Amino acid sequence: MFVGGVLVVSSAPFIGFAFMILGIFPFIMYEFIEFDLYGGLYREGICIAGMAFGKAKPYPSVHFIYLKRNRTIYTDEGTAGISTSSFVTFDGYLRMADGYTTSLMSVGKKEKALKLLQQMAHDLQVEMRDLTEAKLL
């Protein structure tokens, strides 16, 4: 989108600059979850160029953290035919005592995911469950 904005600037400056600004957002924006254990709050939101936006909610306590194996299937259709690709990722989730679940990460290697989740479980002083042994269809 940024490159398109640069190309459009000469013919339509306003639209070109808008494309350039919107094209930068994917590189400076990300989702986050933040815990204030002493204040009893957590916040989930987005961060744009270092500024965090999100509503603080009461921290009900973490029930457990778990690791799950997920398979993603991509299908590409082109002039040469249809190709299907399958990828396995290891996703970490946090389950709160009130039933709310949020995604923490998605990693390609199980060992790396386990190491990161074990550190989070240690910091939050909760149980970590490995649910990766469940069979994928």
Protein backbone atom coordinates (compact mmCIF):
# COMPACT_ATOMS: atom_id res chain seq x y z
CA MET A 1 0.00 0.00 0.00
CA PHE A 2 2.90 2.35 0.79
CA VAL A 3 4.44 1.81 -2.67
CA GLY A 4 1.04 2.38 -4.28
CA GLY A 5 0.78 5.65 -2.35
CA VAL A 6 4.14 6.78 -3.69
CA LEU A 7 3.02 6.04 -7.25
CA VAL A 8 -0.34 7.82 -6.84
CA VAL A 9 1.12 11.00 -5.24
CA SER A 10 1.86 12.59 -8.62
CA SER A 11 -1.71 12.22 -9.96
CA ALA A 12 -3.80 12.51 -6.78
CA PRO A 13 -1.69 13.88 -3.89
CA PHE A 14 -4.31 13.55 -1.14
CA ILE A 15 -5.14 9.93 -1.95
CA GLY A 16 -1.46 9.10 -2.44
CA PHE A 17 -0.47 10.48 0.97
CA ALA A 18 -3.40 8.64 2.58
CA PHE A 19 -2.20 5.36 1.03
CA MET A 20 1.34 6.04 2.25
CA ILE A 21 0.18 6.67 5.82
CA LEU A 22 -2.09 3.61 5.85
CA GLY A 23 0.71 1.49 4.34
CA ILE A 24 2.97 2.14 7.33
CA PHE A 25 0.46 0.94 9.97
CA PRO A 26 1.09 -2.82 9.62
CA PHE A 27 4.75 -2.23 10.47
CA ILE A 28 4.18 -0.11 13.59
CA MET A 29 1.03 -1.72 15.03
CA TYR A 30 0.56 -4.90 17.10
CA GLU A 31 -1.84 -6.49 19.59
CA PHE A 32 -0.86 -6.92 23.24
CA ILE A 33 -2.01 -8.15 26.63
CA GLU A 34 -0.61 -6.59 29.79
CA PHE A 35 -1.02 -7.67 33.42
CA ASP A 36 -0.87 -5.42 36.46
CA LEU A 37 -0.72 -8.06 39.16
CA TYR A 38 -0.35 -5.54 41.98
CA GLY A 39 -3.25 -3.39 40.79
CA GLY A 40 -5.45 -6.40 40.00
CA LEU A 41 -6.02 -5.35 36.37
CA TYR A 42 -5.24 -6.60 32.89
CA ARG A 43 -5.46 -4.80 29.58
CA GLU A 44 -5.79 -6.18 26.07
CA GLY A 45 -5.55 -3.88 23.09
CA ILE A 46 -3.38 -2.54 20.30
CA CYS A 47 -0.16 -0.58 20.33
CA ILE A 48 0.56 1.92 17.56
CA ALA A 49 4.06 3.41 17.47
CA GLY A 50 4.54 2.86 21.20
CA MET A 51 1.16 4.25 22.30
CA ALA A 52 -1.09 1.60 23.89
CA PHE A 53 -4.86 1.64 23.45
CA GLY A 54 -7.05 -0.74 25.41
CA LYS A 55 -9.50 -0.84 28.28
CA ALA A 56 -8.32 -2.06 31.67
CA LYS A 57 -10.46 -4.82 33.17
CA PRO A 58 -10.46 -6.45 36.60
CA TYR A 59 -8.03 -9.34 36.76
CA PRO A 60 -10.09 -12.39 37.79
CA SER A 61 -6.97 -14.61 38.10
CA VAL A 62 -5.53 -17.05 35.60
CA HIS A 63 -6.90 -20.57 35.71
CA PHE A 64 -4.14 -22.09 33.56
CA ILE A 65 -1.97 -21.63 30.46
CA TYR A 66 -2.04 -24.24 27.73
CA LEU A 67 -0.27 -25.17 24.52
CA LYS A 68 -2.28 -26.50 21.60
CA ARG A 69 -1.19 -27.82 18.21
CA ASN A 70 -3.11 -26.32 15.28
CA ARG A 71 -3.02 -27.17 11.60
CA THR A 72 -3.66 -24.48 9.02
CA ILE A 73 -4.47 -25.39 5.44
CA TYR A 74 -3.90 -22.88 2.64
CA THR A 75 -5.31 -23.38 -0.85
CA ASP A 76 -3.91 -21.35 -3.73
CA GLU A 77 -5.66 -21.33 -7.05
CA GLY A 78 -3.80 -20.11 -10.11
CA THR A 79 -3.49 -20.64 -13.82
CA ALA A 80 -1.25 -23.69 -13.30
CA GLY A 81 -3.75 -25.38 -11.00
CA ILE A 82 -4.63 -25.63 -7.36
CA SER A 83 -2.00 -26.15 -4.68
CA THR A 84 -2.73 -26.97 -1.07
CA SER A 85 -0.27 -26.39 1.76
CA SER A 86 -0.58 -27.47 5.37
CA PHE A 87 1.29 -25.93 8.29
CA VAL A 88 1.39 -27.00 11.92
CA THR A 89 1.80 -24.28 14.55
CA PHE A 90 1.94 -24.44 18.32
CA ASP A 91 -0.35 -21.85 19.88
CA GLY A 92 -0.27 -20.74 23.50
CA TYR A 93 -3.46 -19.65 25.24
CA LEU A 94 -4.28 -18.14 28.61
CA ARG A 95 -7.51 -19.22 30.33
CA MET A 96 -8.88 -16.88 33.00
CA ALA A 97 -10.96 -18.07 35.95
CA ASP A 98 -14.06 -16.36 34.50
CA GLY A 99 -13.82 -18.45 31.29
CA TYR A 100 -12.22 -15.79 29.08
CA THR A 101 -9.48 -17.21 26.80
CA THR A 102 -6.90 -15.17 24.91
CA SER A 103 -4.16 -16.14 22.50
CA LEU A 104 -0.62 -15.50 23.70
CA MET A 105 1.49 -16.69 20.78
CA SER A 106 1.83 -18.84 17.70
CA VAL A 107 5.20 -20.52 17.13
CA GLY A 108 6.41 -23.05 14.56
CA LYS A 109 8.50 -25.19 16.96
CA LYS A 110 7.12 -26.97 20.01
CA GLU A 111 10.29 -26.63 22.09
CA LYS A 112 10.36 -22.85 21.70
CA ALA A 113 6.65 -22.57 22.51
CA LEU A 114 7.03 -24.72 25.64
CA LYS A 115 9.97 -22.66 26.85
CA LEU A 116 8.08 -19.36 26.43
CA LEU A 117 4.91 -20.69 28.08
CA GLN A 118 6.82 -22.20 31.00
CA GLN A 119 8.36 -18.80 31.69
CA MET A 120 4.92 -17.13 31.56
CA ALA A 121 3.44 -19.79 33.83
CA HIS A 122 6.28 -19.28 36.29
CA ASP A 123 5.79 -15.48 36.26
CA LEU A 124 2.01 -15.77 36.77
CA GLN A 125 2.39 -18.73 39.20
CA VAL A 126 -0.14 -20.91 37.38
CA GLU A 127 -0.29 -24.40 35.91
CA MET A 128 0.82 -25.00 32.31
CA ARG A 129 -0.88 -27.77 30.31
CA ASP A 130 0.51 -29.37 27.16
CA LEU A 131 -2.44 -30.34 24.95
CA THR A 132 -0.34 -31.07 21.85
CA GLU A 133 -0.78 -34.85 22.06
CA ALA A 134 -4.38 -34.63 20.84
CA LYS A 135 -4.72 -36.11 17.34
CA LEU A 136 -5.25 -33.83 14.37
CA LEU A 137 -7.73 -34.96 11.76
